[in-house]
Protein backbone atom coordinates (compact mmCIF):
# COMPACT_ATOMS: atom_id res chain seq x y z
CA MET A 1 8.30 61.67 19.92
CA THR A 2 7.47 65.55 21.14
CA ASN A 3 3.68 65.40 20.47
CA PRO A 4 2.44 61.80 20.76
CA VAL A 5 -0.02 60.39 18.23
CA VAL A 6 -3.00 59.69 19.89
CA THR A 7 -6.14 57.73 17.84
CA ARG A 8 -9.56 57.03 19.05
CA VAL A 9 -11.84 54.07 17.78
CA ALA A 10 -15.00 54.01 18.45
CA LEU A 11 -16.39 50.47 18.32
CA GLY A 12 -20.61 50.56 19.50
CA GLN A 13 -21.07 52.11 22.98
CA CYS A 14 -17.10 51.35 23.54
CA ALA A 15 -14.16 53.29 22.52
CA VAL A 16 -10.48 52.39 22.26
CA GLU A 17 -7.45 55.28 22.43
CA VAL A 18 -4.21 54.30 20.77
CA GLU A 19 -1.16 56.62 21.87
CA CYS A 20 1.97 55.69 19.63
CA ARG A 21 5.16 57.36 21.10
CA VAL A 22 7.45 55.99 17.93
CA ASP A 23 7.74 58.54 15.07
CA SER A 24 8.48 55.45 12.67
CA LEU A 25 5.47 53.72 13.75
CA ALA A 26 2.98 56.49 13.40
CA PRO A 27 2.64 56.17 9.34
CA ALA A 28 1.76 52.61 9.59
CA LEU A 29 -0.42 53.28 12.38
CA ALA A 30 -2.69 55.61 10.61
CA LEU A 31 -2.67 53.73 7.73
CA LEU A 32 -4.12 50.70 9.53
CA LEU A 33 -6.52 52.53 11.87
CA GLY A 34 -7.43 55.68 9.62
CA ASP A 35 -11.05 54.31 8.08
CA THR A 36 -12.31 53.42 11.93
CA ARG A 37 -15.02 55.34 13.62
CA THR A 38 -13.63 58.05 16.08
CA THR A 39 -16.71 59.79 17.66
CA GLY A 40 -19.53 58.25 19.68
CA GLY A 41 -18.64 55.60 22.80
CA GLU A 42 -17.46 56.10 25.44
CA VAL A 43 -13.09 55.90 26.16
CA GLN A 44 -12.92 52.09 27.96
CA THR A 45 -9.25 51.97 28.01
CA ARG A 46 -5.76 53.40 26.32
CA PHE A 47 -2.89 51.38 25.01
CA VAL A 48 0.51 53.18 24.71
CA ILE A 49 3.16 51.97 21.91
CA ASP A 50 6.72 53.20 22.87
CA THR A 51 10.24 51.67 22.76
CA ASN A 52 12.16 50.61 25.88
CA ALA A 53 16.17 51.05 26.76
CA ALA A 54 16.69 48.59 23.96
CA SER A 55 15.10 50.29 21.37
CA GLN A 56 12.16 46.84 21.32
CA PHE A 57 8.84 48.22 21.34
CA GLU A 58 6.40 47.77 23.63
CA ILE A 59 2.59 48.05 24.42
CA HIS A 60 1.22 49.14 27.63
CA ARG A 61 -1.94 49.46 29.08
CA GLY A 62 -2.31 51.63 31.92
CA GLU A 63 0.95 50.36 33.78
CA LYS A 64 0.86 46.61 32.66
CA ARG A 65 3.27 45.68 29.65
CA CYS A 66 0.77 44.16 27.20
CA TYR A 67 3.71 43.24 24.53
CA GLN A 68 7.19 43.68 24.14
């Protein structure tokens, strides 16, 4: 993906960013998070959705893989 899609989700005083680096998944993520509040709160963490060498989805939080 040339330009990853970053979606910010704010909940009260906190916010989370979800960076999607998978072109085929970006529309589904936009649909899932499209109605969430994007302003306010301080970003606490960022999740990155990508694929690995075996074309499996992975979710990372910082340097740690959370899901494969």
